[in-house]
């Protein structure tokens, strides 16, 4: 039973490391493996910590853990304290700080040869650094998912996280040569209403695309199409299968055009450039490994622009 009357001071850093391991791995068993102890020992440590603080930090069931609001705030503070301690130890050891494990989430459109080349260079130069890369179609909450850094496409939502601009992404329209042979190529954006446009499945139907010509103001154009999906990768596969006209990064379209797998559609028109941000907890931008990863992501973003 949690004691809410007389909270006591935390006695050592092991208690903080245990709690952070539970939150960032998402389970008692995973935290136990990380720290080299049994799940029962982790459970006992968590119980002692909660009793000492007089607060419920994590709700536990047989299937899942749920971090309380107090637990989320406590995790942020614990992570900050441990990061400061790690920085102090690195300074005393005289190392470059490029060690440990970096857990990074990126949008799948960022996976490109330049990203992998920059990661290869970073890992080659830093023997003690490990990188865990999670690729997703959506934003992942770094604190709740145990990440050090997450890339967000578009203006970031309001949160306690720090947002670091990485650059912008430029988008265009494309189709396969076989699609153009069957349906013809639109000569103006108004023709898109009579084409098979590959659409994102949302709560409200995607009936229009906003396109701009050069530096002109974006305009809304009606689109046709009979295929829509919630999955970004499915849209890509449908595009390359010749199902219809789709939206891709300009750099990806250029590469596919050179390979003969896609053709530009309305090349003088484009979607508005999308800003790209790295989101991370406060106080982490000073870490050498984080700074190095931000440089990697900026290089990848530049190659995709």
C-alpha atoms as a PDB file:
ATOM      1  CA  UNK A   1       0.000   0.000   0.000  1.00  0.00           C
ATOM      2  CA  UNK A   2       1.396   3.397  -0.998  1.00  0.00           C
ATOM      3  CA  UNK A   3       2.062   5.709   1.934  1.00  0.00           C
ATOM      4  CA  UNK A   4       0.717   9.192   1.069  1.00  0.00           C
ATOM      5  CA  UNK A   5       1.428  10.663   4.515  1.00  0.00           C
ATOM      6  CA  UNK A   6       5.168  10.703   5.040  1.00  0.00           C
ATOM      7  CA  UNK A   7       7.210  10.531   1.804  1.00  0.00           C
ATOM      8  CA  UNK A   8      10.926   9.900   2.389  1.00  0.00           C
ATOM      9  CA  UNK A   9      14.024  10.820   0.451  1.00  0.00           C
ATOM     10  CA  UNK A  10      15.354   8.494  -2.233  1.00  0.00           C
ATOM     11  CA  UNK A  11      18.442   6.804  -0.883  1.00  0.00           C
ATOM     12  CA  UNK A  12      20.479   6.033  -4.034  1.00  0.00           C
ATOM     13  CA  UNK A  13      20.692   6.362  -7.815  1.00  0.00           C
ATOM     14  CA  UNK A  14      19.885   2.664  -8.311  1.00  0.00           C
ATOM     15  CA  UNK A  15      16.285   3.440  -7.431  1.00  0.00           C
ATOM     16  CA  UNK A  16      16.155   6.098 -10.144  1.00  0.00           C
ATOM     17  CA  UNK A  17      17.795   3.828 -12.717  1.00  0.00           C
ATOM     18  CA  UNK A  18      15.333   1.061 -11.905  1.00  0.00           C
ATOM     19  CA  UNK A  19      12.342   3.327 -12.356  1.00  0.00           C
ATOM     20  CA  UNK A  20      13.668   4.815 -15.611  1.00  0.00           C
ATOM     21  CA  UNK A  21      14.366   1.315 -16.948  1.00  0.00           C
ATOM     22  CA  UNK A  22      10.772   0.250 -16.239  1.00  0.00           C
ATOM     23  CA  UNK A  23       9.268   3.287 -17.983  1.00  0.00           C
ATOM     24  CA  UNK A  24      11.588   3.247 -20.994  1.00  0.00           C
ATOM     25  CA  UNK A  25      11.446  -0.504 -21.655  1.00  0.00           C
ATOM     26  CA  UNK A  26       7.711  -0.713 -21.023  1.00  0.00           C
ATOM     27  CA  UNK A  27       7.687  -3.779 -18.778  1.00  0.00           C
ATOM     28  CA  UNK A  28       9.090  -5.185 -15.549  1.00  0.00           C
ATOM     29  CA  UNK A  29      10.553  -8.170 -17.394  1.00  0.00           C
ATOM     30  CA  UNK A  30      12.383  -5.998 -19.942  1.00  0.00           C
ATOM     31  CA  UNK A  31      13.715  -3.747 -17.182  1.00  0.00           C
ATOM     32  CA  UNK A  32      14.929  -6.835 -15.308  1.00  0.00           C
ATOM     33  CA  UNK A  33      16.813  -8.061 -18.380  1.00  0.00           C
ATOM     34  CA  UNK A  34      18.357  -4.628 -18.875  1.00  0.00           C
ATOM     35  CA  UNK A  35      19.538  -4.387 -15.269  1.00  0.00           C
ATOM     36  CA  UNK A  36      20.474  -8.053 -14.866  1.00  0.00           C
ATOM     37  CA  UNK A  37      18.064  -8.880 -12.029  1.00  0.00           C
ATOM     38  CA  UNK A  38      14.813 -10.826 -11.680  1.00  0.00           C
ATOM     39  CA  UNK A  39      11.366  -9.367 -12.454  1.00  0.00           C
ATOM     40  CA  UNK A  40      10.406  -9.970  -8.816  1.00  0.00           C
ATOM     41  CA  UNK A  41      13.340  -7.827  -7.698  1.00  0.00           C
ATOM     42  CA  UNK A  42      12.233  -5.039 -10.066  1.00  0.00           C
ATOM     43  CA  UNK A  43       8.672  -5.255  -8.744  1.00  0.00           C
ATOM     44  CA  UNK A  44       9.903  -5.027  -5.158  1.00  0.00           C
ATOM     45  CA  UNK A  45      12.100  -2.026  -5.963  1.00  0.00           C
ATOM     46  CA  UNK A  46       9.185  -0.232  -7.602  1.00  0.00           C
ATOM     47  CA  UNK A  47       6.956  -0.930  -4.629  1.00  0.00           C
ATOM     48  CA  UNK A  48       9.571   0.351  -2.191  1.00  0.00           C
ATOM     49  CA  UNK A  49      10.091   3.481  -4.313  1.00  0.00           C
ATOM     50  CA  UNK A  50       6.371   4.248  -4.472  1.00  0.00           C
ATOM     51  CA  UNK A  51       6.012   3.714  -0.744  1.00  0.00           C
ATOM     52  CA  UNK A  52       9.003   5.948  -0.073  1.00  0.00           C
ATOM     53  CA  UNK A  53       7.575   8.735  -2.269  1.00  0.00           C
ATOM     54  CA  UNK A  54       3.992   8.287  -1.130  1.00  0.00           C
ATOM     55  CA  UNK A  55       2.794   8.289  -4.756  1.00  0.00           C
ATOM     56  CA  UNK A  56       1.511   5.683  -7.196  1.00  0.00           C
ATOM     57  CA  UNK A  57       3.856   5.936 -10.194  1.00  0.00           C
ATOM     58  CA  UNK A  58       2.740   2.983 -12.306  1.00  0.00           C
ATOM     59  CA  UNK A  59      -0.526   1.057 -12.415  1.00  0.00           C
ATOM     60  CA  UNK A  60       0.246  -2.633 -12.937  1.00  0.00           C
ATOM     61  CA  UNK A  61      -1.963  -5.381 -14.339  1.00  0.00           C
ATOM     62  CA  UNK A  62      -1.047  -8.853 -15.596  1.00  0.00           C
ATOM     63  CA  UNK A  63      -1.085  -7.531 -19.180  1.00  0.00           C
ATOM     64  CA  UNK A  64       0.279  -4.008 -19.163  1.00  0.00           C
ATOM     65  CA  UNK A  65       1.775  -1.063 -17.312  1.00  0.00           C
ATOM     66  CA  UNK A  66       0.173   2.384 -17.239  1.00  0.00           C
ATOM     67  CA  UNK A  67       2.254   5.373 -16.140  1.00  0.00           C
ATOM     68  CA  UNK A  68       0.363   7.835 -13.938  1.00  0.00           C
ATOM     69  CA  UNK A  69       0.580  11.584 -14.504  1.00  0.00           C
ATOM     70  CA  UNK A  70       2.787  11.821 -11.413  1.00  0.00           C
ATOM     71  CA  UNK A  71       4.885   8.982 -12.786  1.00  0.00           C
ATOM     72  CA  UNK A  72       5.384  10.787 -16.119  1.00  0.00           C
ATOM     73  CA  UNK A  73       6.629  13.923 -14.377  1.00  0.00           C
ATOM     74  CA  UNK A  74       8.874  11.892 -12.096  1.00  0.00           C
ATOM     75  CA  UNK A  75      10.360  10.077 -15.097  1.00  0.00           C
ATOM     76  CA  UNK A  76      11.280  13.365 -16.780  1.00  0.00           C
ATOM     77  CA  UNK A  77      13.107  14.506 -13.641  1.00  0.00           C
ATOM     78  CA  UNK A  78      14.813  11.131 -13.154  1.00  0.00           C
ATOM     79  CA  UNK A  79      16.005  11.052 -16.770  1.00  0.00           C
ATOM     80  CA  UNK A  80      17.393  14.571 -16.443  1.00  0.00           C
ATOM     81  CA  UNK A  81      19.273  13.684 -13.242  1.00  0.00           C
ATOM     82  CA  UNK A  82      20.747  10.507 -14.721  1.00  0.00           C
ATOM     83  CA  UNK A  83      21.759  12.305 -17.914  1.00  0.00           C
ATOM     84  CA  UNK A  84      23.598  14.915 -15.837  1.00  0.00           C
ATOM     85  CA  UNK A  85      25.333  12.170 -13.873  1.00  0.00           C
ATOM     86  CA  UNK A  86      26.366  10.385 -17.074  1.00  0.00           C
ATOM     87  CA  UNK A  87      27.693  13.665 -18.497  1.00  0.00           C
ATOM     88  CA  UNK A  88      29.736  14.275 -15.361  1.00  0.00           C
ATOM     89  CA  UNK A  89      31.234  10.780 -15.516  1.00  0.00           C
ATOM     90  CA  UNK A  90      32.124  11.235 -19.194  1.00  0.00           C
ATOM     91  CA  UNK A  91      33.812  14.560 -18.505  1.00  0.00           C
ATOM     92  CA  UNK A  92      35.932  13.020 -15.760  1.00  0.00           C
ATOM     93  CA  UNK A  93      36.809  10.068 -17.986  1.00  0.00           C
ATOM     94  CA  UNK A  94      37.854  12.431 -20.775  1.00  0.00           C
ATOM     95  CA  UNK A  95      35.794  10.625 -23.450  1.00  0.00           C
ATOM     96  CA  UNK A  96      33.955  12.160 -26.407  1.00  0.00           C
ATOM     97  CA  UNK A  97      30.551  11.197 -25.030  1.00  0.00           C
ATOM     98  CA  UNK A  98      29.692   9.115 -28.099  1.00  0.00           C
ATOM     99  CA  UNK A  99      28.685   5.957 -26.269  1.00  0.00           C
ATOM    100  CA  UNK A 100      25.613   4.183 -24.962  1.00  0.00           C
ATOM    101  CA  UNK A 101      22.455   3.357 -26.919  1.00  0.00           C
ATOM    102  CA  UNK A 102      20.557   5.955 -28.952  1.00  0.00           C
ATOM    103  CA  UNK A 103      16.874   5.113 -29.471  1.00  0.00           C
ATOM    104  CA  UNK A 104      15.569   7.086 -32.445  1.00  0.00           C
ATOM    105  CA  UNK A 105      12.191   7.059 -34.217  1.00  0.00           C
ATOM    106  CA  UNK A 106      11.931   8.384 -37.771  1.00  0.00           C
ATOM    107  CA  UNK A 107       9.261   8.638 -40.437  1.00  0.00           C
ATOM    108  CA  UNK A 108       9.586   5.939 -43.099  1.00  0.00           C
ATOM    109  CA  UNK A 109      10.104   8.534 -45.838  1.00  0.00           C
ATOM    110  CA  UNK A 110      13.428   9.443 -44.199  1.00  0.00           C
ATOM    111  CA  UNK A 111      14.952   6.037 -44.852  1.00  0.00           C
ATOM    112  CA  UNK A 112      17.340   6.724 -47.714  1.00  0.00           C
ATOM    113  CA  UNK A 113      20.930   5.903 -48.775  1.00  0.00           C
ATOM    114  CA  UNK A 114      22.284   9.206 -47.424  1.00  0.00           C
ATOM    115  CA  UNK A 115      20.813   8.494 -43.981  1.00  0.00           C
ATOM    116  CA  UNK A 116      22.416   5.056 -43.872  1.00  0.00           C
ATOM    117  CA  UNK A 117      25.730   6.435 -45.119  1.00  0.00           C
ATOM    118  CA  UNK A 118      25.753   9.099 -42.387  1.00  0.00           C
ATOM    119  CA  UNK A 119      24.846   6.491 -39.749  1.00  0.00           C
ATOM    120  CA  UNK A 120      27.621   4.237 -40.992  1.00  0.00           C
ATOM    121  CA  UNK A 121      30.125   7.076 -40.658  1.00  0.00           C
ATOM    122  CA  UNK A 122      28.917   7.863 -37.129  1.00  0.00           C
ATOM    123  CA  UNK A 123      29.097   4.246 -35.956  1.00  0.00           C
ATOM    124  CA  UNK A 124      32.511   3.748 -37.559  1.00  0.00           C
ATOM    125  CA  UNK A 125      33.864   6.789 -35.721  1.00  0.00           C
ATOM    126  CA  UNK A 126      32.293   5.786 -32.389  1.00  0.00           C
ATOM    127  CA  UNK A 127      33.046   2.206 -31.357  1.00  0.00           C
ATOM    128  CA  UNK A 128      31.001   2.426 -28.145  1.00  0.00           C
ATOM    129  CA  UNK A 129      27.827   3.935 -29.645  1.00  0.00           C
ATOM    130  CA  UNK A 130      24.763   1.829 -30.507  1.00  0.00           C
ATOM    131  CA  UNK A 131      21.739   3.003 -32.520  1.00  0.00           C
ATOM    132  CA  UNK A 132      18.223   1.577 -32.365  1.00  0.00           C
ATOM    133  CA  UNK A 133      16.165   2.945 -35.270  1.00  0.00           C
ATOM    134  CA  UNK A 134      12.386   2.652 -35.160  1.00  0.00           C
ATOM    135  CA  UNK A 135      10.669   3.386 -38.464  1.00  0.00           C
ATOM    136  CA  UNK A 136       7.027   4.419 -38.399  1.00  0.00           C
ATOM    137  CA  UNK A 137       4.319   6.215 -40.366  1.00  0.00           C
ATOM    138  CA  UNK A 138       3.507   8.395 -37.371  1.00  0.00           C
ATOM    139  CA  UNK A 139       4.986  10.358 -34.498  1.00  0.00           C
ATOM    140  CA  UNK A 140       6.073   8.395 -31.409  1.00  0.00           C
ATOM    141  CA  UNK A 141       6.069  10.009 -27.976  1.00  0.00           C
ATOM    142  CA  UNK A 142       9.752   9.800 -26.862  1.00  0.00           C
ATOM    143  CA  UNK A 143       9.020   9.801 -23.131  1.00  0.00           C
ATOM    144  CA  UNK A 144       6.299   7.179 -23.213  1.00  0.00           C
ATOM    145  CA  UNK A 145       8.070   4.954 -25.732  1.00  0.00           C
ATOM    146  CA  UNK A 146      11.487   5.147 -24.124  1.00  0.00           C
ATOM    147  CA  UNK A 147      13.018   7.057 -27.042  1.00  0.00           C
ATOM    148  CA  UNK A 148      15.831   9.578 -26.993  1.00  0.00           C
ATOM    149  CA  UNK A 149      14.656  11.386 -30.110  1.00  0.00           C
ATOM    150  CA  UNK A 150      11.755  11.249 -32.558  1.00  0.00           C
ATOM    151  CA  UNK A 151      11.332  12.893 -35.955  1.00  0.00           C
ATOM    152  CA  UNK A 152       8.011  14.631 -36.579  1.00  0.00           C
ATOM    153  CA  UNK A 153       6.730  15.580 -40.022  1.00  0.00           C
ATOM    154  CA  UNK A 154       4.965  18.943 -40.015  1.00  0.00           C
ATOM    155  CA  UNK A 155       4.604  21.603 -37.306  1.00  0.00           C
ATOM    156  CA  UNK A 156       5.036  19.819 -33.950  1.00  0.00           C
ATOM    157  CA  UNK A 157       2.167  19.707 -31.459  1.00  0.00           C
ATOM    158  CA  UNK A 158       2.333  21.628 -28.197  1.00  0.00           C
ATOM    159  CA  UNK A 159       4.115  19.537 -25.560  1.00  0.00           C
ATOM    160  CA  UNK A 160       6.872  19.611 -22.967  1.00  0.00           C
ATOM    161  CA  UNK A 161       9.353  18.361 -25.584  1.00  0.00           C
ATOM    162  CA  UNK A 162      12.051  20.438 -27.248  1.00  0.00           C
ATOM    163  CA  UNK A 163      11.666  20.771 -31.034  1.00  0.00           C
ATOM    164  CA  UNK A 164      14.786  21.130 -33.205  1.00  0.00           C
ATOM    165  CA  UNK A 165      14.259  22.029 -36.901  1.00  0.00           C
ATOM    166  CA  UNK A 166      15.949  19.646 -39.334  1.00  0.00           C
ATOM    167  CA  UNK A 167      14.901  21.137 -42.673  1.00  0.00           C
ATOM    168  CA  UNK A 168      12.014  20.755 -45.108  1.00  0.00           C
ATOM    169  CA  UNK A 169      10.710  18.050 -47.420  1.00  0.00           C
ATOM    170  CA  UNK A 170       9.445  18.799 -50.948  1.00  0.00           C
ATOM    171  CA  UNK A 171       6.690  16.660 -52.485  1.00  0.00           C
ATOM    172  CA  UNK A 172       5.439  16.084 -56.017  1.00  0.00           C
ATOM    173  CA  UNK A 173       3.098  13.885 -58.059  1.00  0.00           C
ATOM    174  CA  UNK A 174       4.063  10.781 -60.007  1.00  0.00           C
ATOM    175  CA  UNK A 175       2.686   7.697 -61.757  1.00  0.00           C
ATOM    176  CA  UNK A 176       4.063   4.648 -63.504  1.00  0.00           C
ATOM    177  CA  UNK A 177       4.621   4.651 -67.288  1.00  0.00           C
ATOM    178  CA  UNK A 178       1.971   1.909 -67.543  1.00  0.00           C
ATOM    179  CA  UNK A 179      -0.628   4.090 -65.797  1.00  0.00           C
ATOM    180  CA  UNK A 180       0.129   7.030 -68.095  1.00  0.00           C
ATOM    181  CA  UNK A 181      -0.145   4.724 -71.114  1.00  0.00           C
ATOM    182  CA  UNK A 182      -3.603   3.556 -69.994  1.00  0.00           C
ATOM    183  CA  UNK A 183      -5.064   6.817 -68.676  1.00  0.00           C
ATOM    184  CA  UNK A 184      -2.957   9.586 -70.197  1.00  0.00           C
ATOM    185  CA  UNK A 185      -1.105  12.305 -68.302  1.00  0.00           C
ATOM    186  CA  UNK A 186      -3.042  15.240 -66.782  1.00  0.00           C
ATOM    187  CA  UNK A 187      -2.148  18.532 -68.418  1.00  0.00           C
ATOM    188  CA  UNK A 188      -3.448  20.693 -65.560  1.00  0.00           C
ATOM    189  CA  UNK A 189      -4.385  20.120 -61.893  1.00  0.00           C
ATOM    190  CA  UNK A 190      -8.092  20.328 -62.787  1.00  0.00           C
ATOM    191  CA  UNK A 191      -7.642  17.081 -64.755  1.00  0.00           C
ATOM    192  CA  UNK A 192      -6.929  15.225 -61.479  1.00  0.00           C
ATOM    193  CA  UNK A 193     -10.684  15.008 -60.853  1.00  0.00           C
ATOM    194  CA  UNK A 194     -10.843  12.479 -63.704  1.00  0.00           C
ATOM    195  CA  UNK A 195      -7.847  10.374 -62.631  1.00  0.00           C
ATOM    196  CA  UNK A 196      -7.175   7.580 -60.174  1.00  0.00           C
ATOM    197  CA  UNK A 197      -5.544   9.558 -57.365  1.00  0.00           C
ATOM    198  CA  UNK A 198      -4.179   7.506 -54.452  1.00  0.00           C
ATOM    199  CA  UNK A 199      -5.728   8.979 -51.324  1.00  0.00           C
ATOM    200  CA  UNK A 200      -5.156   8.830 -47.586  1.00  0.00           C
ATOM    201  CA  UNK A 201      -8.027   7.248 -45.651  1.00  0.00           C
ATOM    202  CA  UNK A 202      -9.083   9.598 -42.853  1.00  0.00           C
ATOM    203  CA  UNK A 203     -12.229  10.326 -40.835  1.00  0.00           C
ATOM    204  CA  UNK A 204     -13.254  12.688 -43.631  1.00  0.00           C
ATOM    205  CA  UNK A 205     -12.800  11.702 -47.308  1.00  0.00           C
ATOM    206  CA  UNK A 206      -9.767  13.219 -49.042  1.00  0.00           C
ATOM    207  CA  UNK A 207     -11.476  14.965 -51.952  1.00  0.00           C
ATOM    208  CA  UNK A 208      -8.951  17.717 -52.770  1.00  0.00           C
ATOM    209  CA  UNK A 209      -5.193  18.207 -53.034  1.00  0.00           C
ATOM    210  CA  UNK A 210      -3.511  21.551 -52.370  1.00  0.00           C
ATOM    211  CA  UNK A 211      -0.884  22.343 -54.994  1.00  0.00           C
ATOM    212  CA  UNK A 212       1.240  25.380 -55.742  1.00  0.00           C
ATOM    213  CA  UNK A 213       3.105  26.445 -58.858  1.00  0.00           C
ATOM    214  CA  UNK A 214       6.563  27.839 -58.236  1.00  0.00           C
ATOM    215  CA  UNK A 215       6.392  30.318 -55.348  1.00  0.00           C
ATOM    216  CA  UNK A 216       2.694  30.981 -55.932  1.00  0.00           C
ATOM    217  CA  UNK A 217      -0.065  30.513 -53.385  1.00  0.00           C
ATOM    218  CA  UNK A 218      -1.396  26.981 -52.871  1.00  0.00           C
ATOM    219  CA  UNK A 219      -4.736  26.200 -54.527  1.00  0.00           C
ATOM    220  CA  UNK A 220      -7.230  23.408 -53.874  1.00  0.00           C
ATOM    221  CA  UNK A 221      -8.025  21.015 -56.705  1.00  0.00           C
ATOM    222  CA  UNK A 222     -10.634  18.255 -56.739  1.00  0.00           C
ATOM    223  CA  UNK A 223      -9.275  14.742 -57.180  1.00  0.00           C
ATOM    224  CA  UNK A 224     -10.774  11.468 -58.320  1.00  0.00           C
ATOM    225  CA  UNK A 225      -9.765   7.963 -57.377  1.00  0.00           C
ATOM    226  CA  UNK A 226     -11.139   4.703 -56.035  1.00  0.00           C
ATOM    227  CA  UNK A 227      -8.280   3.590 -53.784  1.00  0.00           C
ATOM    228  CA  UNK A 228      -7.568   4.920 -50.297  1.00  0.00           C
ATOM    229  CA  UNK A 229      -5.701   3.519 -47.300  1.00  0.00           C
ATOM    230  CA  UNK A 230      -4.494   4.501 -43.844  1.00  0.00           C
ATOM    231  CA  UNK A 231      -1.045   3.039 -44.508  1.00  0.00           C
ATOM    232  CA  UNK A 232       1.685   5.140 -46.136  1.00  0.00           C
ATOM    233  CA  UNK A 233       3.614   2.107 -47.353  1.00  0.00           C
ATOM    234  CA  UNK A 234       0.478   0.735 -49.027  1.00  0.00           C
ATOM    235  CA  UNK A 235       0.144   4.021 -50.920  1.00  0.00           C
ATOM    236  CA  UNK A 236       3.715   3.670 -52.155  1.00  0.00           C
ATOM    237  CA  UNK A 237       3.165   0.070 -53.238  1.00  0.00           C
ATOM    238  CA  UNK A 238      -0.040   1.073 -55.035  1.00  0.00           C
ATOM    239  CA  UNK A 239       1.809   3.853 -56.833  1.00  0.00           C
ATOM    240  CA  UNK A 240       4.560   1.532 -58.091  1.00  0.00           C
ATOM    241  CA  UNK A 241       1.956  -1.091 -59.043  1.00  0.00           C
ATOM    242  CA  UNK A 242       0.345   1.396 -61.426  1.00  0.00           C
ATOM    243  CA  UNK A 243      -2.908   1.782 -59.488  1.00  0.00           C
ATOM    244  CA  UNK A 244      -2.901   5.556 -59.827  1.00  0.00           C
ATOM    245  CA  UNK A 245      -1.240   8.939 -59.334  1.00  0.00           C
ATOM    246  CA  UNK A 246       0.448   9.345 -55.960  1.00  0.00           C
ATOM    247  CA  UNK A 247       2.366  11.817 -53.823  1.00  0.00           C
ATOM    248  CA  UNK A 248       6.080  11.178 -53.226  1.00  0.00           C
ATOM    249  CA  UNK A 249       9.131  13.112 -52.146  1.00  0.00           C
ATOM    250  CA  UNK A 250      10.646  15.029 -55.056  1.00  0.00           C
ATOM    251  CA  UNK A 251      13.976  13.290 -54.510  1.00  0.00           C
ATOM    252  CA  UNK A 252      12.305   9.849 -54.636  1.00  0.00           C
ATOM    253  CA  UNK A 253      10.476  10.779 -57.825  1.00  0.00           C
ATOM    254  CA  UNK A 254      13.702  11.999 -59.465  1.00  0.00           C
ATOM    255  CA  UNK A 255      15.448   8.707 -58.608  1.00  0.00           C
ATOM    256  CA  UNK A 256      12.518   6.647 -59.921  1.00  0.00           C
ATOM    257  CA  UNK A 257      12.356   8.678 -63.128  1.00  0.00           C
ATOM    258  CA  UNK A 258      16.049   7.979 -63.744  1.00  0.00           C
ATOM    259  CA  UNK A 259      15.377   4.284 -63.133  1.00  0.00           C
ATOM    260  CA  UNK A 260      12.372   4.328 -65.487  1.00  0.00           C
ATOM    261  CA  UNK A 261       9.884   3.158 -62.836  1.00  0.00           C
ATOM    262  CA  UNK A 262       7.956   6.443 -62.478  1.00  0.00           C
ATOM    263  CA  UNK A 263       7.213   9.560 -64.506  1.00  0.00           C
ATOM    264  CA  UNK A 264       6.580  13.073 -63.219  1.00  0.00           C
ATOM    265  CA  UNK A 265       2.968  14.220 -63.210  1.00  0.00           C
ATOM    266  CA  UNK A 266       2.433  17.985 -63.405  1.00  0.00           C
ATOM    267  CA  UNK A 267       6.130  18.572 -62.600  1.00  0.00           C
ATOM    268  CA  UNK A 268       5.691  22.355 -62.402  1.00  0.00           C
ATOM    269  CA  UNK A 269       3.203  21.868 -59.548  1.00  0.00           C
ATOM    270  CA  UNK A 270       4.062  20.683 -56.053  1.00  0.00           C
ATOM    271  CA  UNK A 271       2.740  20.188 -52.568  1.00  0.00           C
ATOM    272  CA  UNK A 272       3.812  22.801 -50.027  1.00  0.00           C
ATOM    273  CA  UNK A 273       7.159  21.928 -48.447  1.00  0.00           C
ATOM    274  CA  UNK A 274       6.774  20.127 -45.124  1.00  0.00           C
ATOM    275  CA  UNK A 275       8.944  21.128 -42.154  1.00  0.00           C
ATOM    276  CA  UNK A 276      10.737  18.364 -40.291  1.00  0.00           C
ATOM    277  CA  UNK A 277      11.557  18.491 -36.582  1.00  0.00           C
ATOM    278  CA  UNK A 278      13.408  16.383 -34.062  1.00  0.00           C
ATOM    279  CA  UNK A 279      11.534  16.131 -30.757  1.00  0.00           C
ATOM    280  CA  UNK A 280      13.326  15.216 -27.559  1.00  0.00           C
ATOM    281  CA  UNK A 281      13.060  15.707 -23.798  1.00  0.00           C
ATOM    282  CA  UNK A 282      14.443  18.911 -22.304  1.00  0.00           C
ATOM    283  CA  UNK A 283      18.110  19.001 -21.414  1.00  0.00           C
ATOM    284  CA  UNK A 284      19.223  16.383 -23.961  1.00  0.00           C
ATOM    285  CA  UNK A 285      20.428  18.636 -26.780  1.00  0.00           C
ATOM    286  CA  UNK A 286      23.765  19.090 -25.002  1.00  0.00           C
ATOM    287  CA  UNK A 287      24.615  15.376 -25.130  1.00  0.00           C
ATOM    288  CA  UNK A 288      27.336  14.665 -27.727  1.00  0.00           C
ATOM    289  CA  UNK A 289      25.526  11.573 -29.033  1.00  0.00           C
ATOM    290  CA  UNK A 290      22.298  13.559 -29.521  1.00  0.00           C
ATOM    291  CA  UNK A 291      24.137  16.366 -31.318  1.00  0.00           C
ATOM    292  CA  UNK A 292      25.806  13.811 -33.581  1.00  0.00           C
ATOM    293  CA  UNK A 293      22.465  12.186 -34.394  1.00  0.00           C
ATOM    294  CA  UNK A 294      20.892  15.572 -35.155  1.00  0.00           C
ATOM    295  CA  UNK A 295      23.699  16.192 -37.671  1.00  0.00           C
ATOM    296  CA  UNK A 296      22.967  12.798 -39.263  1.00  0.00           C
ATOM    297  CA  UNK A 297      19.267  13.632 -39.566  1.00  0.00           C
ATOM    298  CA  UNK A 298      19.967  17.088 -41.016  1.00  0.00           C
ATOM    299  CA  UNK A 299      22.166  15.543 -43.727  1.00  0.00           C
ATOM    300  CA  UNK A 300      19.449  13.026 -44.559  1.00  0.00           C
ATOM    301  CA  UNK A 301      16.792  15.758 -44.692  1.00  0.00           C
ATOM    302  CA  UNK A 302      18.964  17.887 -46.975  1.00  0.00           C
ATOM    303  CA  UNK A 303      19.388  14.982 -49.383  1.00  0.00           C
ATOM    304  CA  UNK A 304      15.607  14.514 -49.505  1.00  0.00           C
ATOM    305  CA  UNK A 305      14.796  18.200 -50.109  1.00  0.00           C
END
